[in-house]
Amino acid sequence: MSSGFVADSADVDERAVIGADTSVWHLAQIRENAVLGQGCIVGRGAYVGAGVQIGKHVKIQNYALVYEPAVLEDGVFVGPAAVLTNDQYPRSVDPSGQLKRGDDWEAVGVTLREGASLGARSVCVAPVTVGRWALVAAGAVVVKDVPDFALMAGVPARRIGWVGRAGVRLEDKGDGRWVCPRTGTGYVESAGILREDESETT
């Protein structure tokens, strides 16, 4: 483990890798073989499962649960009490009534692409991928893949708009063109996919 700050009450397995300038706060648990990049924050009571892969500058807020084999790319935000699941067919016992063990099921993961954000108490039901810079609203339940820059809300979550890198809802300029009111960055939508328009800003 590197020289990052770890609270005395945190439970960090000695086989975990903690990047420089990363903070792990009170009562958080980081399991074996998890890898956290540089400059991350893991909040109070958060859980990071065995072998979870986390990039740099990721924030995992208080009591969020990130179950293996999740992958969180650079700049991801996981809001308070958000959950990334890993069991498609959850059962405590098998059909014969015997308690299920680790070898009795196959873990599937959630992938959060660069800059994606999950609101408080949102849930991602694995296996799903949340695209780059997408924003999932508080309390939403994601059950299918989310496109880049999508603004998702509801149960199940549906796209209700687009957001830019700043997280602000984009303004519709017509003809498939969108703009961020905060940064002026332009975006182009085609066939349900949004891309940054590097040739135009307002």
N, C-alpha and C. Protein backbone atom coordinates (compact mmCIF):
# COMPACT_ATOMS: atom_id res chain seq x y z
N MET A 1 0.84 -1.19 0.00
CA MET A 1 0.00 0.00 0.00
C MET A 1 0.88 1.24 0.00
N SER A 2 0.47 2.29 -0.70
CA SER A 2 1.26 3.51 -0.80
C SER A 2 0.99 4.41 0.40
N SER A 3 1.41 5.66 0.31
CA SER A 3 1.36 6.58 1.44
C SER A 3 0.06 7.37 1.53
N GLY A 4 -1.00 6.96 0.88
CA GLY A 4 -2.27 7.68 0.98
C GLY A 4 -2.84 7.64 2.38
N PHE A 5 -3.73 8.60 2.70
CA PHE A 5 -4.34 8.68 4.02
C PHE A 5 -5.39 7.58 4.19
N VAL A 6 -5.29 6.84 5.29
CA VAL A 6 -6.27 5.81 5.62
C VAL A 6 -6.65 5.99 7.08
N ALA A 7 -7.94 6.19 7.35
CA ALA A 7 -8.41 6.36 8.73
C ALA A 7 -8.14 5.10 9.53
N ASP A 8 -7.89 5.28 10.83
CA ASP A 8 -7.59 4.14 11.70
C ASP A 8 -8.71 3.11 11.70
N SER A 9 -9.95 3.58 11.57
CA SER A 9 -11.09 2.66 11.64
C SER A 9 -11.43 2.01 10.30
N ALA A 10 -10.74 2.41 9.23
CA ALA A 10 -10.97 1.78 7.93
C ALA A 10 -10.36 0.38 7.91
N ASP A 11 -10.96 -0.50 7.11
CA ASP A 11 -10.50 -1.88 6.97
C ASP A 11 -9.97 -2.04 5.55
N VAL A 12 -8.66 -1.91 5.40
CA VAL A 12 -8.03 -2.00 4.08
C VAL A 12 -7.15 -3.24 4.04
N ASP A 13 -7.51 -4.18 3.19
CA ASP A 13 -6.74 -5.41 3.08
C ASP A 13 -5.31 -5.09 2.62
N GLU A 14 -4.36 -5.82 3.17
CA GLU A 14 -2.96 -5.56 2.83
C GLU A 14 -2.64 -5.85 1.37
N ARG A 15 -3.50 -6.60 0.69
CA ARG A 15 -3.27 -6.89 -0.73
C ARG A 15 -3.90 -5.86 -1.65
N ALA A 16 -4.63 -4.91 -1.10
CA ALA A 16 -5.19 -3.82 -1.91
C ALA A 16 -4.09 -2.83 -2.29
N VAL A 17 -4.29 -2.14 -3.40
CA VAL A 17 -3.35 -1.12 -3.86
C VAL A 17 -4.04 0.23 -3.78
N ILE A 18 -3.47 1.13 -2.99
CA ILE A 18 -4.05 2.46 -2.78
C ILE A 18 -3.11 3.49 -3.36
N GLY A 19 -3.59 4.27 -4.34
CA GLY A 19 -2.75 5.24 -5.01
C GLY A 19 -2.37 6.42 -4.13
N ALA A 20 -1.36 7.14 -4.56
CA ALA A 20 -0.90 8.32 -3.84
C ALA A 20 -2.01 9.35 -3.74
N ASP A 21 -2.03 10.06 -2.60
CA ASP A 21 -3.00 11.14 -2.36
C ASP A 21 -4.44 10.65 -2.32
N THR A 22 -4.64 9.37 -2.10
CA THR A 22 -5.98 8.82 -1.96
C THR A 22 -6.37 8.75 -0.49
N SER A 23 -7.61 9.14 -0.18
CA SER A 23 -8.11 9.16 1.20
C SER A 23 -9.17 8.08 1.37
N VAL A 24 -9.03 7.30 2.43
CA VAL A 24 -10.00 6.27 2.78
C VAL A 24 -10.50 6.61 4.19
N TRP A 25 -11.77 6.96 4.29
CA TRP A 25 -12.30 7.52 5.53
C TRP A 25 -12.86 6.44 6.46
N HIS A 26 -13.34 6.88 7.60
CA HIS A 26 -13.72 6.02 8.71
C HIS A 26 -14.70 4.92 8.27
N LEU A 27 -14.43 3.71 8.76
CA LEU A 27 -15.31 2.55 8.61
C LEU A 27 -15.45 2.06 7.18
N ALA A 28 -14.70 2.62 6.25
CA ALA A 28 -14.71 2.11 4.87
C ALA A 28 -14.00 0.76 4.83
N GLN A 29 -14.39 -0.08 3.88
CA GLN A 29 -13.73 -1.37 3.70
C GLN A 29 -13.25 -1.50 2.27
N ILE A 30 -11.96 -1.80 2.12
CA ILE A 30 -11.36 -2.05 0.80
C ILE A 30 -10.86 -3.49 0.81
N ARG A 31 -11.43 -4.32 -0.06
CA ARG A 31 -11.13 -5.75 -0.04
C ARG A 31 -9.83 -6.07 -0.78
N GLU A 32 -9.46 -7.34 -0.70
CA GLU A 32 -8.22 -7.82 -1.28
C GLU A 32 -8.19 -7.61 -2.79
N ASN A 33 -7.00 -7.20 -3.26
CA ASN A 33 -6.70 -7.04 -4.68
C ASN A 33 -7.48 -5.92 -5.37
N ALA A 34 -8.21 -5.12 -4.59
CA ALA A 34 -8.80 -3.91 -5.18
C ALA A 34 -7.66 -2.94 -5.51
N VAL A 35 -7.84 -2.17 -6.58
CA VAL A 35 -6.84 -1.20 -6.99
C VAL A 35 -7.50 0.16 -7.12
N LEU A 36 -7.00 1.14 -6.36
CA LEU A 36 -7.50 2.51 -6.41
C LEU A 36 -6.38 3.40 -6.92
N GLY A 37 -6.69 4.23 -7.89
CA GLY A 37 -5.69 5.11 -8.48
C GLY A 37 -5.39 6.32 -7.62
N GLN A 38 -4.65 7.23 -8.21
CA GLN A 38 -4.20 8.44 -7.52
C GLN A 38 -5.35 9.39 -7.24
N GLY A 39 -5.31 10.02 -6.06
CA GLY A 39 -6.21 11.13 -5.76
C GLY A 39 -7.66 10.75 -5.62
N CYS A 40 -7.95 9.54 -5.16
CA CYS A 40 -9.34 9.11 -4.95
C CYS A 40 -9.80 9.46 -3.54
N ILE A 41 -11.12 9.46 -3.35
CA ILE A 41 -11.72 9.63 -2.03
C ILE A 41 -12.73 8.52 -1.83
N VAL A 42 -12.58 7.76 -0.74
CA VAL A 42 -13.54 6.73 -0.36
C VAL A 42 -14.16 7.16 0.96
N GLY A 43 -15.46 7.43 0.94
CA GLY A 43 -16.13 8.03 2.08
C GLY A 43 -16.42 7.05 3.21
N ARG A 44 -16.94 7.60 4.28
CA ARG A 44 -17.25 6.85 5.49
C ARG A 44 -18.19 5.67 5.17
N GLY A 45 -17.83 4.49 5.66
CA GLY A 45 -18.69 3.33 5.52
C GLY A 45 -18.83 2.77 4.14
N ALA A 46 -18.06 3.26 3.17
CA ALA A 46 -18.16 2.74 1.80
C ALA A 46 -17.50 1.36 1.72
N TYR A 47 -17.93 0.59 0.72
CA TYR A 47 -17.40 -0.75 0.51
C TYR A 47 -16.89 -0.88 -0.92
N VAL A 48 -15.65 -1.39 -1.06
CA VAL A 48 -15.05 -1.66 -2.36
C VAL A 48 -14.67 -3.13 -2.38
N GLY A 49 -15.29 -3.89 -3.28
CA GLY A 49 -15.14 -5.34 -3.30
C GLY A 49 -13.79 -5.83 -3.80
N ALA A 50 -13.59 -7.12 -3.64
CA ALA A 50 -12.33 -7.76 -4.01
C ALA A 50 -12.05 -7.59 -5.50
N GLY A 51 -10.86 -7.10 -5.81
CA GLY A 51 -10.45 -6.99 -7.20
C GLY A 51 -11.08 -5.86 -8.00
N VAL A 52 -11.87 -5.01 -7.36
CA VAL A 52 -12.47 -3.87 -8.08
C VAL A 52 -11.35 -2.97 -8.60
N GLN A 53 -11.51 -2.48 -9.82
CA GLN A 53 -10.51 -1.64 -10.47
C GLN A 53 -11.02 -0.20 -10.54
N ILE A 54 -10.28 0.72 -9.94
CA ILE A 54 -10.71 2.11 -9.84
C ILE A 54 -9.60 3.01 -10.36
N GLY A 55 -9.94 3.93 -11.25
CA GLY A 55 -8.96 4.85 -11.82
C GLY A 55 -8.61 5.98 -10.88
N LYS A 56 -8.07 7.05 -11.45
CA LYS A 56 -7.65 8.19 -10.63
C LYS A 56 -8.78 9.21 -10.48
N HIS A 57 -8.70 9.98 -9.39
CA HIS A 57 -9.64 11.08 -9.11
C HIS A 57 -11.10 10.61 -9.07
N VAL A 58 -11.30 9.45 -8.49
CA VAL A 58 -12.65 8.89 -8.32
C VAL A 58 -13.14 9.22 -6.91
N LYS A 59 -14.40 9.61 -6.80
CA LYS A 59 -15.03 9.85 -5.50
C LYS A 59 -16.11 8.81 -5.25
N ILE A 60 -15.97 8.08 -4.14
CA ILE A 60 -16.98 7.12 -3.71
C ILE A 60 -17.51 7.64 -2.38
N GLN A 61 -18.72 8.14 -2.38
CA GLN A 61 -19.24 8.84 -1.22
C GLN A 61 -19.70 7.88 -0.11
N ASN A 62 -20.09 8.46 1.02
CA ASN A 62 -20.43 7.69 2.21
C ASN A 62 -21.42 6.56 1.93
N TYR A 63 -21.10 5.38 2.44
CA TYR A 63 -21.97 4.20 2.44
C TYR A 63 -22.32 3.68 1.04
N ALA A 64 -21.58 4.10 0.04
CA ALA A 64 -21.75 3.50 -1.29
C ALA A 64 -21.18 2.09 -1.28
N LEU A 65 -21.77 1.20 -2.09
CA LEU A 65 -21.36 -0.20 -2.15
C LEU A 65 -20.95 -0.54 -3.58
N VAL A 66 -19.68 -0.85 -3.76
CA VAL A 66 -19.13 -1.14 -5.09
C VAL A 66 -18.67 -2.60 -5.08
N TYR A 67 -19.54 -3.49 -5.59
CA TYR A 67 -19.25 -4.92 -5.55
C TYR A 67 -18.43 -5.35 -6.77
N GLU A 68 -17.56 -6.32 -6.52
CA GLU A 68 -16.73 -6.88 -7.58
C GLU A 68 -17.60 -7.62 -8.59
N PRO A 69 -17.20 -7.62 -9.87
CA PRO A 69 -15.95 -7.11 -10.44
C PRO A 69 -16.10 -5.76 -11.13
N ALA A 70 -16.57 -4.77 -10.41
CA ALA A 70 -16.81 -3.45 -10.99
C ALA A 70 -15.52 -2.82 -11.50
N VAL A 71 -15.67 -1.96 -12.52
CA VAL A 71 -14.57 -1.16 -13.05
C VAL A 71 -15.03 0.29 -13.09
N LEU A 72 -14.28 1.17 -12.44
CA LEU A 72 -14.58 2.59 -12.42
C LEU A 72 -13.41 3.32 -13.06
N GLU A 73 -13.66 4.00 -14.17
CA GLU A 73 -12.60 4.70 -14.87
C GLU A 73 -12.32 6.06 -14.21
N ASP A 74 -11.37 6.79 -14.75
CA ASP A 74 -10.95 8.07 -14.17
C ASP A 74 -12.11 9.04 -14.03
N GLY A 75 -12.11 9.79 -12.92
CA GLY A 75 -13.05 10.88 -12.74
C GLY A 75 -14.48 10.47 -12.44
N VAL A 76 -14.71 9.24 -12.05
CA VAL A 76 -16.07 8.77 -11.75
C VAL A 76 -16.52 9.28 -10.38
N PHE A 77 -17.81 9.55 -10.25
CA PHE A 77 -18.43 9.95 -8.98
C PHE A 77 -19.52 8.94 -8.63
N VAL A 78 -19.44 8.39 -7.42
CA VAL A 78 -20.46 7.47 -6.91
C VAL A 78 -21.08 8.11 -5.67
N GLY A 79 -22.35 8.49 -5.76
CA GLY A 79 -23.00 9.25 -4.71
C GLY A 79 -23.27 8.44 -3.45
N PRO A 80 -23.68 9.13 -2.39
CA PRO A 80 -23.93 8.47 -1.11
C PRO A 80 -24.95 7.34 -1.24
N ALA A 81 -24.60 6.19 -0.66
CA ALA A 81 -25.47 5.02 -0.58
C ALA A 81 -25.85 4.44 -1.95
N ALA A 82 -25.14 4.82 -3.01
CA ALA A 82 -25.35 4.19 -4.31
C ALA A 82 -24.84 2.74 -4.25
N VAL A 83 -25.41 1.89 -5.11
CA VAL A 83 -25.06 0.47 -5.10
C VAL A 83 -24.75 -0.01 -6.52
N LEU A 84 -23.62 -0.69 -6.66
CA LEU A 84 -23.26 -1.36 -7.91
C LEU A 84 -23.35 -2.86 -7.62
N THR A 85 -24.37 -3.53 -8.15
CA THR A 85 -24.62 -4.93 -7.81
C THR A 85 -23.71 -5.86 -8.62
N ASN A 86 -23.81 -7.16 -8.30
CA ASN A 86 -22.99 -8.13 -9.05
C ASN A 86 -23.64 -9.50 -9.20
N ASP A 87 -24.91 -9.64 -8.89
CA ASP A 87 -25.57 -10.95 -8.94
C ASP A 87 -26.85 -10.85 -9.77
N GLN A 88 -26.86 -11.50 -10.94
CA GLN A 88 -28.03 -11.45 -11.80
C GLN A 88 -29.22 -12.21 -11.24
N TYR A 89 -28.95 -13.28 -10.51
CA TYR A 89 -30.01 -14.15 -10.02
C TYR A 89 -29.83 -14.37 -8.52
N PRO A 90 -30.09 -13.33 -7.72
CA PRO A 90 -29.76 -13.42 -6.29
C PRO A 90 -30.65 -14.41 -5.54
N ARG A 91 -30.01 -15.31 -4.85
CA ARG A 91 -30.67 -16.25 -3.97
C ARG A 91 -29.73 -16.55 -2.80
N SER A 92 -30.30 -16.72 -1.61
CA SER A 92 -29.50 -17.14 -0.47
C SER A 92 -29.21 -18.63 -0.49
N VAL A 93 -30.17 -19.40 -1.05
CA VAL A 93 -30.02 -20.85 -1.09
C VAL A 93 -30.17 -21.35 -2.52
N ASP A 94 -29.67 -22.57 -2.76
CA ASP A 94 -29.84 -23.19 -4.07
C ASP A 94 -31.20 -23.90 -4.11
N PRO A 95 -31.60 -24.48 -5.27
CA PRO A 95 -32.92 -25.10 -5.36
C PRO A 95 -33.18 -26.21 -4.35
N SER A 96 -32.12 -26.80 -3.81
CA SER A 96 -32.31 -27.87 -2.81
C SER A 96 -32.43 -27.31 -1.40
N GLY A 97 -32.29 -26.00 -1.26
CA GLY A 97 -32.40 -25.38 0.06
C GLY A 97 -31.08 -25.21 0.78
N GLN A 98 -29.96 -25.59 0.13
CA GLN A 98 -28.65 -25.45 0.75
C GLN A 98 -28.13 -24.02 0.58
N LEU A 99 -27.44 -23.52 1.60
CA LEU A 99 -26.87 -22.18 1.55
C LEU A 99 -25.89 -22.07 0.39
N LYS A 100 -26.07 -21.04 -0.44
CA LYS A 100 -25.15 -20.84 -1.56
C LYS A 100 -23.83 -20.29 -1.06
N ARG A 101 -22.74 -20.74 -1.69
CA ARG A 101 -21.40 -20.28 -1.39
C ARG A 101 -20.85 -19.52 -2.60
N GLY A 102 -19.65 -19.00 -2.43
CA GLY A 102 -19.05 -18.19 -3.49
C GLY A 102 -18.93 -18.88 -4.82
N ASP A 103 -18.71 -20.19 -4.80
CA ASP A 103 -18.55 -20.93 -6.05
C ASP A 103 -19.88 -21.30 -6.70
N ASP A 104 -20.99 -20.97 -6.06
CA ASP A 104 -22.31 -21.36 -6.57
C ASP A 104 -22.92 -20.32 -7.50
N TRP A 105 -22.22 -19.23 -7.74
CA TRP A 105 -22.76 -18.20 -8.63
C TRP A 105 -21.61 -17.45 -9.28
N GLU A 106 -21.92 -16.80 -10.39
CA GLU A 106 -20.91 -16.06 -11.15
C GLU A 106 -21.15 -14.57 -11.02
N ALA A 107 -20.19 -13.86 -10.46
CA ALA A 107 -20.32 -12.41 -10.30
C ALA A 107 -20.22 -11.73 -11.66
N VAL A 108 -21.10 -10.76 -11.89
CA VAL A 108 -21.06 -9.93 -13.09
C VAL A 108 -20.93 -8.48 -12.63
N GLY A 109 -20.28 -7.65 -13.45
CA GLY A 109 -19.90 -6.33 -12.97
C GLY A 109 -20.60 -5.17 -13.63
N VAL A 110 -20.44 -4.02 -12.98
CA VAL A 110 -20.85 -2.73 -13.50
C VAL A 110 -19.60 -1.99 -13.95
N THR A 111 -19.65 -1.36 -15.12
CA THR A 111 -18.55 -0.53 -15.60
C THR A 111 -19.02 0.91 -15.68
N LEU A 112 -18.27 1.80 -15.05
CA LEU A 112 -18.55 3.23 -15.12
C LEU A 112 -17.43 3.88 -15.90
N ARG A 113 -17.77 4.41 -17.08
CA ARG A 113 -16.76 5.00 -17.95
C ARG A 113 -16.32 6.38 -17.43
N GLU A 114 -15.30 6.92 -18.05
CA GLU A 114 -14.68 8.17 -17.62
C GLU A 114 -15.70 9.27 -17.32
N GLY A 115 -15.58 9.87 -16.14
CA GLY A 115 -16.39 11.02 -15.78
C GLY A 115 -17.84 10.74 -15.44
N ALA A 116 -18.28 9.50 -15.49
CA ALA A 116 -19.69 9.18 -15.20
C ALA A 116 -20.00 9.47 -13.73
N SER A 117 -21.27 9.83 -13.46
CA SER A 117 -21.69 10.16 -12.10
C SER A 117 -22.98 9.44 -11.75
N LEU A 118 -23.02 8.88 -10.54
CA LEU A 118 -24.22 8.24 -10.01
C LEU A 118 -24.73 9.06 -8.83
N GLY A 119 -26.00 9.45 -8.86
CA GLY A 119 -26.60 10.20 -7.77
C GLY A 119 -26.82 9.35 -6.53
N ALA A 120 -27.15 10.03 -5.43
CA ALA A 120 -27.36 9.36 -4.16
C ALA A 120 -28.45 8.29 -4.27
N ARG A 121 -28.19 7.13 -3.66
CA ARG A 121 -29.11 6.00 -3.58
C ARG A 121 -29.53 5.45 -4.95
N SER A 122 -28.79 5.77 -5.98
CA SER A 122 -29.05 5.12 -7.27
C SER A 122 -28.50 3.70 -7.22
N VAL A 123 -29.01 2.85 -8.12
CA VAL A 123 -28.60 1.46 -8.18
C VAL A 123 -28.29 1.10 -9.63
N CYS A 124 -27.15 0.46 -9.85
CA CYS A 124 -26.82 -0.11 -11.16
C CYS A 124 -26.91 -1.62 -11.04
N VAL A 125 -27.84 -2.22 -11.79
CA VAL A 125 -28.07 -3.66 -11.73
C VAL A 125 -27.20 -4.33 -12.79
N ALA A 126 -26.18 -5.03 -12.33
CA ALA A 126 -25.22 -5.65 -13.24
C ALA A 126 -25.86 -6.75 -14.08
N PRO A 127 -25.33 -6.95 -15.31
CA PRO A 127 -24.20 -6.24 -15.90
C PRO A 127 -24.66 -5.04 -16.72
N VAL A 128 -24.15 -3.87 -16.42
CA VAL A 128 -24.44 -2.67 -17.21
C VAL A 128 -23.18 -1.83 -17.31
N THR A 129 -23.17 -0.98 -18.34
CA THR A 129 -22.10 0.00 -18.53
C THR A 129 -22.74 1.39 -18.58
N VAL A 130 -22.22 2.30 -17.78
CA VAL A 130 -22.65 3.70 -17.80
C VAL A 130 -21.59 4.48 -18.56
N GLY A 131 -22.02 5.14 -19.64
CA GLY A 131 -21.10 5.77 -20.57
C GLY A 131 -20.38 6.99 -20.02
N ARG A 132 -19.43 7.47 -20.81
CA ARG A 132 -18.60 8.62 -20.45
C ARG A 132 -19.45 9.85 -20.15
N TRP A 133 -19.17 10.46 -19.00
CA TRP A 133 -19.78 11.73 -18.60
C TRP A 133 -21.30 11.67 -18.45
N ALA A 134 -21.86 10.47 -18.43
CA ALA A 134 -23.30 10.33 -18.19
C ALA A 134 -23.60 10.69 -16.74
N LEU A 135 -24.86 11.06 -16.47
CA LEU A 135 -25.30 11.44 -15.13
C LEU A 135 -26.57 10.67 -14.79
N VAL A 136 -26.51 9.87 -13.73
CA VAL A 136 -27.66 9.10 -13.26
C VAL A 136 -28.24 9.81 -12.05
N ALA A 137 -29.52 10.13 -12.10
CA ALA A 137 -30.16 10.91 -11.04
C ALA A 137 -30.26 10.12 -9.75
N ALA A 138 -30.41 10.85 -8.66
CA ALA A 138 -30.59 10.23 -7.35
C ALA A 138 -31.80 9.29 -7.37
N GLY A 139 -31.63 8.11 -6.81
CA GLY A 139 -32.72 7.15 -6.69
C GLY A 139 -33.05 6.38 -7.94
N ALA A 140 -32.37 6.63 -9.05
CA ALA A 140 -32.65 5.92 -10.29
C ALA A 140 -32.13 4.49 -10.22
N VAL A 141 -32.72 3.61 -11.03
CA VAL A 141 -32.30 2.21 -11.10
C VAL A 141 -31.93 1.91 -12.55
N VAL A 142 -30.64 1.70 -12.78
CA VAL A 142 -30.13 1.47 -14.13
C VAL A 142 -30.12 -0.02 -14.41
N VAL A 143 -30.86 -0.43 -15.46
CA VAL A 143 -30.97 -1.85 -15.80
C VAL A 143 -30.48 -2.14 -17.22
N LYS A 144 -30.06 -1.11 -17.95
CA LYS A 144 -29.49 -1.33 -19.28
C LYS A 144 -28.40 -0.30 -19.51
N ASP A 145 -27.56 -0.56 -20.51
CA ASP A 145 -26.43 0.31 -20.77
C ASP A 145 -26.86 1.75 -21.02
N VAL A 146 -26.02 2.66 -20.57
CA VAL A 146 -26.30 4.10 -20.65
C VAL A 146 -25.33 4.74 -21.64
N PRO A 147 -25.84 5.53 -22.62
CA PRO A 147 -24.93 6.16 -23.58
C PRO A 147 -24.08 7.26 -22.95
N ASP A 148 -22.99 7.60 -23.62
CA ASP A 148 -22.19 8.75 -23.20
C ASP A 148 -23.07 9.99 -23.10
N PHE A 149 -22.82 10.81 -22.08
CA PHE A 149 -23.46 12.11 -21.88
C PHE A 149 -24.96 12.04 -21.58
N ALA A 150 -25.50 10.87 -21.36
CA ALA A 150 -26.95 10.75 -21.11
C ALA A 150 -27.30 11.20 -19.70
N LEU A 151 -28.45 11.86 -19.58
CA LEU A 151 -29.05 12.20 -18.28
C LEU A 151 -30.16 11.20 -18.04
N MET A 152 -30.00 10.37 -16.99
CA MET A 152 -30.89 9.26 -16.73
C MET A 152 -31.64 9.49 -15.42
N ALA A 153 -32.93 9.14 -15.41
CA ALA A 153 -33.73 9.26 -14.18
C ALA A 153 -34.85 8.24 -14.22
N GLY A 154 -35.34 7.87 -13.03
CA GLY A 154 -36.52 7.02 -12.93
C GLY A 154 -36.21 5.58 -12.60
N VAL A 155 -37.30 4.82 -12.44
CA VAL A 155 -37.23 3.39 -12.11
C VAL A 155 -38.15 2.63 -13.06
N PRO A 156 -37.61 1.93 -14.06
CA PRO A 156 -36.18 1.89 -14.41
C PRO A 156 -35.73 3.20 -15.03
N ALA A 157 -34.43 3.43 -15.01
CA ALA A 157 -33.89 4.69 -15.52
C ALA A 157 -34.09 4.81 -17.02
N ARG A 158 -34.49 6.02 -17.43
CA ARG A 158 -34.66 6.35 -18.85
C ARG A 158 -33.94 7.66 -19.13
N ARG A 159 -33.51 7.82 -20.37
CA ARG A 159 -32.83 9.07 -20.73
C ARG A 159 -33.85 10.19 -20.82
N ILE A 160 -33.60 11.27 -20.07
CA ILE A 160 -34.50 12.42 -20.09
C ILE A 160 -33.82 13.67 -20.66
N GLY A 161 -32.58 13.52 -21.08
CA GLY A 161 -31.85 14.64 -21.65
C GLY A 161 -30.39 14.28 -21.83
N TRP A 162 -29.60 15.32 -22.06
CA TRP A 162 -28.16 15.16 -22.22
C TRP A 162 -27.45 16.11 -21.26
N VAL A 163 -26.25 15.72 -20.84
CA VAL A 163 -25.40 16.60 -20.04
C VAL A 163 -24.01 16.65 -20.67
N GLY A 164 -23.28 17.72 -20.37
CA GLY A 164 -21.90 17.83 -20.82
C GLY A 164 -20.94 17.46 -19.72
N ARG A 165 -19.67 17.71 -19.95
CA ARG A 165 -18.64 17.38 -18.97
C ARG A 165 -18.85 18.10 -17.64
N ALA A 166 -19.47 19.28 -17.69
CA ALA A 166 -19.72 20.04 -16.46
C ALA A 166 -20.88 19.48 -15.64
N GLY A 167 -21.63 18.53 -16.20
CA GLY A 167 -22.77 17.96 -15.49
C GLY A 167 -24.05 18.74 -15.63
N VAL A 168 -24.02 19.82 -16.37
CA VAL A 168 -25.19 20.67 -16.56
C VAL A 168 -26.00 20.18 -17.76
N ARG A 169 -27.32 20.23 -17.64
CA ARG A 169 -28.18 19.79 -18.74
C ARG A 169 -27.94 20.66 -19.97
N LEU A 170 -27.78 20.00 -21.11
CA LEU A 170 -27.51 20.72 -22.36
C LEU A 170 -28.76 21.37 -22.91
N GLU A 171 -28.56 22.45 -23.64
CA GLU A 171 -29.65 23.17 -24.30
C GLU A 171 -29.75 22.73 -25.75
N ASP A 172 -30.98 22.50 -26.20
CA ASP A 172 -31.26 22.05 -27.56
C ASP A 172 -31.24 23.23 -28.51
N LYS A 173 -30.33 23.22 -29.48
CA LYS A 173 -30.23 24.28 -30.46
C LYS A 173 -30.87 23.90 -31.79
N GLY A 174 -31.49 22.71 -31.85
CA GLY A 174 -32.13 22.26 -33.09
C GLY A 174 -31.16 21.58 -34.03
N ASP A 175 -31.73 20.84 -34.97
CA ASP A 175 -30.94 20.14 -35.98
C ASP A 175 -29.88 19.23 -35.37
N GLY A 176 -30.21 18.62 -34.23
CA GLY A 176 -29.28 17.69 -33.61
C GLY A 176 -28.11 18.33 -32.91
N ARG A 177 -28.19 19.63 -32.70
CA ARG A 177 -27.08 20.33 -32.05
C ARG A 177 -27.49 20.75 -30.64
N TRP A 178 -26.54 20.58 -29.72
CA TRP A 178 -26.75 20.90 -28.31
C TRP A 178 -25.58 21.73 -27.82
N VAL A 179 -25.80 22.49 -26.74
CA VAL A 179 -24.72 23.30 -26.20
C VAL A 179 -24.79 23.30 -24.68
N CYS A 180 -23.63 23.32 -24.05
CA CYS A 180 -23.56 23.41 -22.59
C CYS A 180 -23.66 24.88 -22.19
N PRO A 181 -24.66 25.25 -21.37
CA PRO A 181 -24.81 26.66 -20.99
C PRO A 181 -23.70 27.15 -20.08
N ARG A 182 -22.95 26.26 -19.49
CA ARG A 182 -21.88 26.68 -18.59
C ARG A 182 -20.55 26.87 -19.31
N THR A 183 -20.21 25.93 -20.20
CA THR A 183 -18.89 25.98 -20.84
C THR A 183 -18.93 26.47 -22.28
N GLY A 184 -20.12 26.45 -22.89
CA GLY A 184 -20.24 26.82 -24.29
C GLY A 184 -19.84 25.73 -25.26
N THR A 185 -19.51 24.57 -24.75
CA THR A 185 -19.10 23.47 -25.62
C THR A 185 -20.29 22.96 -26.43
N GLY A 186 -20.08 22.73 -27.71
CA GLY A 186 -21.12 22.22 -28.58
C GLY A 186 -21.08 20.70 -28.67
N TYR A 187 -22.25 20.11 -28.92
CA TYR A 187 -22.41 18.67 -29.07
C TYR A 187 -23.31 18.40 -30.26
N VAL A 188 -23.12 17.23 -30.86
CA VAL A 188 -23.92 16.82 -32.01
C VAL A 188 -24.54 15.47 -31.71
N GLU A 189 -25.87 15.37 -31.93
CA GLU A 189 -26.59 14.11 -31.71
C GLU A 189 -26.93 13.48 -33.04
N SER A 190 -26.68 12.18 -33.15
CA SER A 190 -27.03 11.43 -34.35
C SER A 190 -27.36 10.01 -33.95
N ALA A 191 -28.55 9.55 -34.35
CA ALA A 191 -28.99 8.18 -34.08
C ALA A 191 -28.89 7.83 -32.61
N GLY A 192 -29.26 8.77 -31.76
CA GLY A 192 -29.27 8.51 -30.32
C GLY A 192 -27.92 8.53 -29.65
N ILE A 193 -26.91 8.99 -30.37
CA ILE A 193 -25.54 9.08 -29.82
C ILE A 193 -25.12 10.54 -29.83
N LEU A 194 -24.56 10.99 -28.71
CA LEU A 194 -24.10 12.37 -28.60
C LEU A 194 -22.59 12.41 -28.58
N ARG A 195 -22.04 13.33 -29.36
CA ARG A 195 -20.59 13.50 -29.41
C ARG A 195 -20.26 14.98 -29.27
N GLU A 196 -19.08 15.24 -28.70
CA GLU A 196 -18.62 16.62 -28.63
C GLU A 196 -18.29 17.12 -30.03
N ASP A 197 -18.68 18.36 -30.30
CA ASP A 197 -18.41 18.99 -31.59
C ASP A 197 -17.22 19.93 -31.41
N GLU A 198 -16.05 19.41 -31.74
CA GLU A 198 -14.84 20.19 -31.49
C GLU A 198 -14.71 21.37 -32.44
N SER A 199 -15.53 21.42 -33.49
CA SER A 199 -15.43 22.50 -34.46
C SER A 199 -16.24 23.73 -34.08
N GLU A 200 -17.07 23.60 -33.00
CA GLU A 200 -17.98 24.72 -32.71
C GLU A 200 -18.16 24.89 -31.21
N THR A 201 -18.03 26.11 -30.73
CA THR A 201 -18.41 26.50 -29.39
C THR A 201 -19.21 27.78 -29.48
N THR A 202 -19.99 28.07 -28.44
CA THR A 202 -20.79 29.30 -28.47
C THR A 202 -20.35 30.23 -27.36
